[in-house]
């Protein structure tokens, strides 16, 4: 079992984070922007000026974490796209789907927005993990 190449985790994670940022911006910042604004107003809030930088940083951290998970799984499942997609799916379960259960339970957001977010999130994290895994080398 080889050691994790942290430089490649970081580099692959930056690429993965860029992919996540693009998906999030198109989905939430363009396509669903008016619906999110309406949902925020229904709660009596507006988006904070610090929200966008926090979301951008979050996306890069998620990308780095997803590539780290791929690097950790490589010795067990082998290098390649299958492992990258498997670890992307696993990350989606723990990082997207399970946390969303709490959001569904609280009923703060419209179900439609949460469901779209989950579906897009699955595609974005698998694509990001695939791309980050492509960059990763031990």
N, C-alpha and C. Protein backbone atom coordinates (compact mmCIF):
# COMPACT_ATOMS: atom_id res chain seq x y z
N UNK A 1 0.85 -1.18 0.00
CA UNK A 1 0.00 0.00 0.00
C UNK A 1 0.89 1.24 0.00
N UNK A 2 0.73 2.08 -1.03
CA UNK A 2 1.54 3.27 -1.15
C UNK A 2 1.04 4.41 -0.28
N UNK A 3 1.91 5.37 -0.13
CA UNK A 3 1.52 6.57 0.62
C UNK A 3 0.72 7.50 -0.28
N UNK A 4 -0.12 8.28 0.35
CA UNK A 4 -0.94 9.24 -0.40
C UNK A 4 -0.06 10.40 -0.86
N UNK A 5 -0.19 10.75 -2.11
CA UNK A 5 0.53 11.87 -2.70
C UNK A 5 -0.30 13.13 -2.46
N UNK A 6 0.01 13.84 -1.38
CA UNK A 6 -0.81 14.99 -0.96
C UNK A 6 -0.79 16.13 -1.96
N UNK A 7 0.32 16.30 -2.68
CA UNK A 7 0.37 17.32 -3.72
C UNK A 7 -0.63 17.05 -4.82
N UNK A 8 -0.74 15.77 -5.21
CA UNK A 8 -1.70 15.39 -6.24
C UNK A 8 -3.13 15.42 -5.71
N UNK A 9 -3.32 15.11 -4.42
CA UNK A 9 -4.66 15.24 -3.83
C UNK A 9 -5.10 16.70 -3.93
N UNK A 10 -4.20 17.61 -3.58
CA UNK A 10 -4.53 19.03 -3.62
C UNK A 10 -4.79 19.48 -5.06
N UNK A 11 -3.92 19.08 -5.98
CA UNK A 11 -4.08 19.48 -7.38
C UNK A 11 -5.37 18.90 -7.98
N UNK A 12 -5.59 17.61 -7.78
CA UNK A 12 -6.82 16.99 -8.26
C UNK A 12 -8.04 17.58 -7.58
N UNK A 13 -7.89 17.92 -6.28
CA UNK A 13 -8.98 18.52 -5.53
C UNK A 13 -9.35 19.90 -6.05
N UNK A 14 -8.35 20.65 -6.51
CA UNK A 14 -8.64 21.97 -7.08
C UNK A 14 -9.44 21.83 -8.38
N UNK A 15 -9.05 20.85 -9.20
CA UNK A 15 -9.82 20.60 -10.43
C UNK A 15 -11.25 20.15 -10.08
N UNK A 16 -11.35 19.24 -9.13
CA UNK A 16 -12.68 18.77 -8.70
C UNK A 16 -13.50 19.92 -8.14
N UNK A 17 -12.88 20.77 -7.34
CA UNK A 17 -13.57 21.93 -6.77
C UNK A 17 -14.03 22.90 -7.84
N UNK A 18 -13.24 23.08 -8.88
CA UNK A 18 -13.64 23.94 -9.99
C UNK A 18 -14.89 23.37 -10.67
N UNK A 19 -14.92 22.08 -10.88
CA UNK A 19 -16.08 21.44 -11.50
C UNK A 19 -17.31 21.62 -10.62
N UNK A 20 -17.15 21.42 -9.32
CA UNK A 20 -18.27 21.59 -8.39
C UNK A 20 -18.76 23.04 -8.42
N UNK A 21 -17.83 23.99 -8.41
CA UNK A 21 -18.21 25.41 -8.46
C UNK A 21 -19.01 25.73 -9.72
N UNK A 22 -18.61 25.19 -10.86
CA UNK A 22 -19.34 25.45 -12.10
C UNK A 22 -20.75 24.87 -12.02
N UNK A 23 -20.87 23.63 -11.56
CA UNK A 23 -22.20 23.02 -11.41
C UNK A 23 -23.07 23.85 -10.47
N UNK A 24 -22.52 24.23 -9.33
CA UNK A 24 -23.28 24.98 -8.33
C UNK A 24 -23.68 26.35 -8.85
N UNK A 25 -22.77 27.02 -9.53
CA UNK A 25 -23.08 28.35 -10.05
C UNK A 25 -24.19 28.29 -11.10
N UNK A 26 -24.06 27.35 -12.04
CA UNK A 26 -25.09 27.24 -13.08
C UNK A 26 -26.43 26.86 -12.47
N UNK A 27 -26.41 25.86 -11.57
CA UNK A 27 -27.67 25.37 -11.00
C UNK A 27 -28.32 26.39 -10.08
N UNK A 28 -27.57 26.82 -9.07
CA UNK A 28 -28.16 27.68 -8.04
C UNK A 28 -28.02 29.17 -8.31
N UNK A 29 -26.97 29.54 -9.01
CA UNK A 29 -26.74 30.96 -9.26
C UNK A 29 -27.40 31.48 -10.52
N UNK A 30 -27.77 30.57 -11.43
CA UNK A 30 -28.40 30.99 -12.68
C UNK A 30 -29.80 30.39 -12.81
N UNK A 31 -29.87 29.06 -12.94
CA UNK A 31 -31.14 28.40 -13.22
C UNK A 31 -32.16 28.56 -12.09
N UNK A 32 -31.72 28.34 -10.86
CA UNK A 32 -32.65 28.38 -9.71
C UNK A 32 -32.52 29.64 -8.85
N UNK A 33 -31.82 30.64 -9.34
CA UNK A 33 -31.56 31.84 -8.53
C UNK A 33 -32.84 32.49 -8.03
N UNK A 34 -33.82 32.65 -8.89
CA UNK A 34 -35.07 33.31 -8.49
C UNK A 34 -35.81 32.47 -7.45
N UNK A 35 -35.79 31.15 -7.62
CA UNK A 35 -36.47 30.28 -6.65
C UNK A 35 -35.78 30.31 -5.29
N UNK A 36 -34.44 30.34 -5.29
CA UNK A 36 -33.72 30.43 -4.01
C UNK A 36 -33.98 31.78 -3.34
N UNK A 37 -34.02 32.83 -4.14
CA UNK A 37 -34.32 34.15 -3.60
C UNK A 37 -35.70 34.17 -2.96
N UNK A 38 -36.66 33.59 -3.64
CA UNK A 38 -38.03 33.51 -3.11
C UNK A 38 -38.08 32.68 -1.82
N UNK A 39 -37.36 31.57 -1.80
CA UNK A 39 -37.33 30.72 -0.60
C UNK A 39 -36.69 31.46 0.57
N UNK A 40 -35.64 32.22 0.29
CA UNK A 40 -34.98 33.00 1.35
C UNK A 40 -35.93 34.09 1.88
N UNK A 41 -36.63 34.78 0.97
CA UNK A 41 -37.58 35.81 1.39
C UNK A 41 -38.71 35.22 2.22
N UNK A 42 -39.14 34.00 1.88
CA UNK A 42 -40.19 33.34 2.66
C UNK A 42 -39.75 33.08 4.10
N UNK A 43 -38.45 32.95 4.30
CA UNK A 43 -37.91 32.77 5.66
C UNK A 43 -37.58 34.11 6.33
N UNK A 44 -37.76 35.20 5.58
CA UNK A 44 -37.47 36.52 6.12
C UNK A 44 -35.99 36.85 6.09
N UNK A 45 -35.26 36.25 5.15
CA UNK A 45 -33.81 36.49 5.03
C UNK A 45 -33.48 36.88 3.61
N UNK A 46 -32.26 37.37 3.46
CA UNK A 46 -31.69 37.57 2.14
C UNK A 46 -30.28 37.01 2.17
N UNK A 47 -29.75 36.67 0.99
CA UNK A 47 -28.42 36.09 0.94
C UNK A 47 -27.39 37.10 1.43
N UNK A 48 -26.57 36.66 2.33
CA UNK A 48 -25.50 37.48 2.89
C UNK A 48 -24.42 37.72 1.83
N UNK A 49 -23.74 38.83 1.93
CA UNK A 49 -22.65 39.12 0.98
C UNK A 49 -21.48 38.14 1.16
N UNK A 50 -21.39 37.50 2.30
CA UNK A 50 -20.30 36.54 2.53
C UNK A 50 -20.66 35.13 2.07
N UNK A 51 -21.89 34.91 1.61
CA UNK A 51 -22.32 33.56 1.24
C UNK A 51 -21.56 33.01 0.04
N UNK A 52 -21.40 33.81 -1.00
CA UNK A 52 -20.76 33.32 -2.23
C UNK A 52 -19.32 32.89 -1.97
N UNK A 53 -18.49 33.71 -1.30
CA UNK A 53 -17.12 33.23 -1.02
C UNK A 53 -17.10 31.96 -0.17
N UNK A 54 -18.04 31.83 0.74
CA UNK A 54 -18.10 30.62 1.57
C UNK A 54 -18.46 29.42 0.70
N UNK A 55 -19.42 29.57 -0.20
CA UNK A 55 -19.79 28.47 -1.09
C UNK A 55 -18.63 28.08 -2.01
N UNK A 56 -17.89 29.06 -2.50
CA UNK A 56 -16.74 28.78 -3.37
C UNK A 56 -15.68 28.00 -2.60
N UNK A 57 -15.37 28.44 -1.40
CA UNK A 57 -14.39 27.73 -0.57
C UNK A 57 -14.89 26.33 -0.25
N UNK A 58 -16.19 26.20 0.09
CA UNK A 58 -16.78 24.90 0.39
C UNK A 58 -16.58 23.95 -0.80
N UNK A 59 -16.80 24.44 -2.00
CA UNK A 59 -16.68 23.60 -3.19
C UNK A 59 -15.26 23.07 -3.36
N UNK A 60 -14.27 23.93 -3.14
CA UNK A 60 -12.88 23.47 -3.25
C UNK A 60 -12.52 22.48 -2.14
N UNK A 61 -13.02 22.71 -0.94
CA UNK A 61 -12.77 21.76 0.15
C UNK A 61 -13.43 20.41 -0.13
N UNK A 62 -14.63 20.42 -0.67
CA UNK A 62 -15.31 19.17 -1.05
C UNK A 62 -14.51 18.47 -2.14
N UNK A 63 -14.01 19.21 -3.11
CA UNK A 63 -13.20 18.61 -4.17
C UNK A 63 -11.96 17.94 -3.63
N UNK A 64 -11.27 18.61 -2.72
CA UNK A 64 -10.06 18.05 -2.11
C UNK A 64 -10.41 16.80 -1.30
N UNK A 65 -11.50 16.86 -0.54
CA UNK A 65 -11.92 15.71 0.26
C UNK A 65 -12.30 14.53 -0.63
N UNK A 66 -12.96 14.78 -1.74
CA UNK A 66 -13.35 13.71 -2.65
C UNK A 66 -12.13 13.03 -3.27
N UNK A 67 -11.13 13.81 -3.64
CA UNK A 67 -9.92 13.23 -4.22
C UNK A 67 -9.13 12.48 -3.14
N UNK A 68 -9.13 12.98 -1.93
CA UNK A 68 -8.50 12.25 -0.83
C UNK A 68 -9.17 10.89 -0.64
N UNK A 69 -10.51 10.87 -0.69
CA UNK A 69 -11.23 9.60 -0.56
C UNK A 69 -10.86 8.65 -1.70
N UNK A 70 -10.73 9.17 -2.90
CA UNK A 70 -10.29 8.35 -4.03
C UNK A 70 -8.89 7.80 -3.77
N UNK A 71 -7.99 8.66 -3.32
CA UNK A 71 -6.60 8.23 -3.06
C UNK A 71 -6.56 7.15 -1.97
N UNK A 72 -7.41 7.28 -0.98
CA UNK A 72 -7.45 6.30 0.11
C UNK A 72 -8.05 4.98 -0.37
N UNK A 73 -8.97 5.01 -1.32
CA UNK A 73 -9.64 3.81 -1.81
C UNK A 73 -8.85 3.09 -2.89
N UNK A 74 -7.95 3.78 -3.55
CA UNK A 74 -7.18 3.19 -4.67
C UNK A 74 -6.49 1.88 -4.32
N UNK A 75 -5.80 1.78 -3.19
CA UNK A 75 -5.13 0.51 -2.90
C UNK A 75 -6.10 -0.66 -2.73
N UNK A 76 -7.29 -0.39 -2.27
CA UNK A 76 -8.27 -1.45 -2.04
C UNK A 76 -9.05 -1.81 -3.30
N UNK A 77 -9.45 -0.79 -4.09
CA UNK A 77 -10.32 -1.03 -5.24
C UNK A 77 -9.61 -0.88 -6.58
N UNK A 78 -8.37 -0.42 -6.56
CA UNK A 78 -7.62 -0.23 -7.79
C UNK A 78 -7.79 1.17 -8.34
N UNK A 79 -6.78 1.58 -9.10
CA UNK A 79 -6.81 2.92 -9.71
C UNK A 79 -7.73 2.91 -10.91
N UNK A 80 -8.34 4.03 -11.17
CA UNK A 80 -9.13 4.14 -12.39
C UNK A 80 -10.49 4.76 -12.20
N UNK A 81 -11.21 4.89 -13.32
CA UNK A 81 -12.50 5.59 -13.30
C UNK A 81 -13.56 4.90 -12.45
N UNK A 82 -13.54 3.57 -12.42
CA UNK A 82 -14.56 2.87 -11.62
C UNK A 82 -14.43 3.24 -10.14
N UNK A 83 -13.22 3.25 -9.63
CA UNK A 83 -12.99 3.62 -8.23
C UNK A 83 -13.34 5.09 -8.01
N UNK A 84 -12.99 5.95 -8.95
CA UNK A 84 -13.30 7.38 -8.82
C UNK A 84 -14.81 7.60 -8.76
N UNK A 85 -15.55 6.90 -9.60
CA UNK A 85 -17.00 7.06 -9.59
C UNK A 85 -17.62 6.44 -8.33
N UNK A 86 -17.07 5.32 -7.89
CA UNK A 86 -17.55 4.69 -6.65
C UNK A 86 -17.32 5.60 -5.45
N UNK A 87 -16.13 6.19 -5.36
CA UNK A 87 -15.86 7.08 -4.22
C UNK A 87 -16.65 8.38 -4.34
N UNK A 88 -16.90 8.84 -5.57
CA UNK A 88 -17.76 10.01 -5.75
C UNK A 88 -19.17 9.73 -5.25
N UNK A 89 -19.69 8.54 -5.56
CA UNK A 89 -21.01 8.15 -5.10
C UNK A 89 -21.03 8.04 -3.57
N UNK A 90 -20.00 7.43 -2.99
CA UNK A 90 -19.92 7.32 -1.53
C UNK A 90 -19.88 8.70 -0.88
N UNK A 91 -19.12 9.60 -1.48
CA UNK A 91 -19.05 10.97 -0.95
C UNK A 91 -20.42 11.62 -1.03
N UNK A 92 -21.14 11.39 -2.13
CA UNK A 92 -22.47 11.96 -2.28
C UNK A 92 -23.40 11.48 -1.17
N UNK A 93 -23.34 10.20 -0.84
CA UNK A 93 -24.19 9.67 0.21
C UNK A 93 -23.94 10.39 1.53
N UNK A 94 -22.65 10.46 1.92
CA UNK A 94 -22.32 11.03 3.23
C UNK A 94 -22.27 12.56 3.24
N UNK A 95 -21.93 13.17 2.11
CA UNK A 95 -21.77 14.61 2.08
C UNK A 95 -22.95 15.39 1.53
N UNK A 96 -23.83 14.71 0.82
CA UNK A 96 -24.97 15.38 0.20
C UNK A 96 -26.30 14.79 0.67
N UNK A 97 -26.49 13.47 0.46
CA UNK A 97 -27.79 12.85 0.71
C UNK A 97 -28.16 12.82 2.19
N UNK A 98 -27.27 12.32 3.03
CA UNK A 98 -27.61 12.23 4.45
C UNK A 98 -27.82 13.61 5.09
N UNK A 99 -26.97 14.59 4.83
CA UNK A 99 -27.26 15.93 5.38
C UNK A 99 -28.58 16.51 4.89
N UNK A 100 -28.98 16.14 3.68
CA UNK A 100 -30.25 16.66 3.13
C UNK A 100 -31.45 16.10 3.87
N UNK A 101 -31.31 14.94 4.48
CA UNK A 101 -32.43 14.39 5.25
C UNK A 101 -32.88 15.37 6.33
N UNK A 102 -31.92 16.02 6.98
CA UNK A 102 -32.25 17.02 7.98
C UNK A 102 -32.97 18.21 7.38
N UNK A 103 -32.55 18.60 6.17
CA UNK A 103 -33.21 19.71 5.49
C UNK A 103 -34.65 19.36 5.13
N UNK A 104 -34.86 18.11 4.69
CA UNK A 104 -36.23 17.66 4.39
C UNK A 104 -37.07 17.67 5.67
N UNK A 105 -36.49 17.19 6.76
CA UNK A 105 -37.24 17.11 8.02
C UNK A 105 -37.63 18.49 8.54
N UNK A 106 -36.75 19.47 8.39
CA UNK A 106 -37.03 20.82 8.89
C UNK A 106 -38.03 21.57 8.02
N UNK A 107 -38.18 21.17 6.79
CA UNK A 107 -39.11 21.79 5.85
C UNK A 107 -38.89 23.30 5.70
N UNK A 108 -37.63 23.70 5.73
CA UNK A 108 -37.32 25.11 5.54
C UNK A 108 -37.29 25.49 4.07
N UNK A 109 -36.94 24.54 3.22
CA UNK A 109 -36.77 24.81 1.80
C UNK A 109 -37.80 24.03 1.00
N UNK A 110 -38.16 24.52 -0.16
CA UNK A 110 -39.06 23.76 -1.03
C UNK A 110 -38.42 22.41 -1.43
N UNK A 111 -39.23 21.37 -1.40
CA UNK A 111 -38.74 20.03 -1.73
C UNK A 111 -38.13 20.01 -3.13
N UNK A 112 -38.73 20.73 -4.05
CA UNK A 112 -38.22 20.78 -5.43
C UNK A 112 -36.77 21.24 -5.46
N UNK A 113 -36.44 22.29 -4.70
CA UNK A 113 -35.07 22.80 -4.69
C UNK A 113 -34.11 21.76 -4.09
N UNK A 114 -34.54 21.12 -3.03
CA UNK A 114 -33.69 20.09 -2.40
C UNK A 114 -33.47 18.90 -3.33
N UNK A 115 -34.52 18.47 -4.00
CA UNK A 115 -34.40 17.32 -4.91
C UNK A 115 -33.51 17.65 -6.11
N UNK A 116 -33.67 18.84 -6.67
CA UNK A 116 -32.79 19.24 -7.78
C UNK A 116 -31.36 19.30 -7.28
N UNK A 117 -31.16 19.85 -6.10
CA UNK A 117 -29.82 19.92 -5.54
C UNK A 117 -29.19 18.55 -5.34
N UNK A 118 -29.98 17.59 -4.89
CA UNK A 118 -29.46 16.24 -4.71
C UNK A 118 -29.10 15.59 -6.04
N UNK A 119 -29.96 15.75 -7.03
CA UNK A 119 -29.69 15.15 -8.34
C UNK A 119 -28.47 15.77 -9.00
N UNK A 120 -28.41 17.09 -9.01
CA UNK A 120 -27.26 17.78 -9.59
C UNK A 120 -26.01 17.46 -8.76
N UNK A 121 -26.17 17.39 -7.45
CA UNK A 121 -25.05 17.06 -6.58
C UNK A 121 -24.44 15.71 -6.89
N UNK A 122 -25.28 14.74 -7.21
CA UNK A 122 -24.77 13.41 -7.57
C UNK A 122 -23.92 13.49 -8.83
N UNK A 123 -24.43 14.17 -9.83
CA UNK A 123 -23.68 14.31 -11.08
C UNK A 123 -22.39 15.09 -10.85
N UNK A 124 -22.48 16.19 -10.11
CA UNK A 124 -21.30 17.04 -9.92
C UNK A 124 -20.21 16.34 -9.13
N UNK A 125 -20.55 15.60 -8.08
CA UNK A 125 -19.51 14.99 -7.26
C UNK A 125 -18.90 13.78 -7.95
N UNK A 126 -19.69 13.03 -8.71
CA UNK A 126 -19.13 11.91 -9.47
C UNK A 126 -18.21 12.45 -10.58
N UNK A 127 -18.63 13.49 -11.28
CA UNK A 127 -17.79 14.09 -12.32
C UNK A 127 -16.52 14.69 -11.71
N UNK A 128 -16.67 15.36 -10.57
CA UNK A 128 -15.51 15.96 -9.91
C UNK A 128 -14.54 14.90 -9.42
N UNK A 129 -15.06 13.83 -8.86
CA UNK A 129 -14.21 12.74 -8.39
C UNK A 129 -13.50 12.06 -9.56
N UNK A 130 -14.22 11.89 -10.66
CA UNK A 130 -13.63 11.31 -11.87
C UNK A 130 -12.47 12.17 -12.37
N UNK A 131 -12.69 13.47 -12.47
CA UNK A 131 -11.65 14.38 -12.96
C UNK A 131 -10.48 14.46 -11.98
N UNK A 132 -10.80 14.57 -10.68
CA UNK A 132 -9.73 14.63 -9.69
C UNK A 132 -8.93 13.33 -9.64
N UNK A 133 -9.61 12.20 -9.80
CA UNK A 133 -8.92 10.91 -9.85
C UNK A 133 -8.03 10.78 -11.07
N UNK A 134 -8.42 11.40 -12.17
CA UNK A 134 -7.61 11.41 -13.37
C UNK A 134 -6.28 12.13 -13.12
N UNK A 135 -6.30 13.18 -12.32
CA UNK A 135 -5.09 13.95 -12.00
C UNK A 135 -4.22 13.22 -10.98
N UNK A 136 -4.86 12.47 -10.08
CA UNK A 136 -4.13 11.86 -8.97
C UNK A 136 -3.19 10.74 -9.45
N UNK A 137 -1.97 10.78 -8.95
CA UNK A 137 -0.96 9.74 -9.16
C UNK A 137 -0.23 9.55 -7.85
N UNK A 138 0.17 8.32 -7.58
CA UNK A 138 0.94 8.07 -6.34
C UNK A 138 2.41 8.24 -6.58
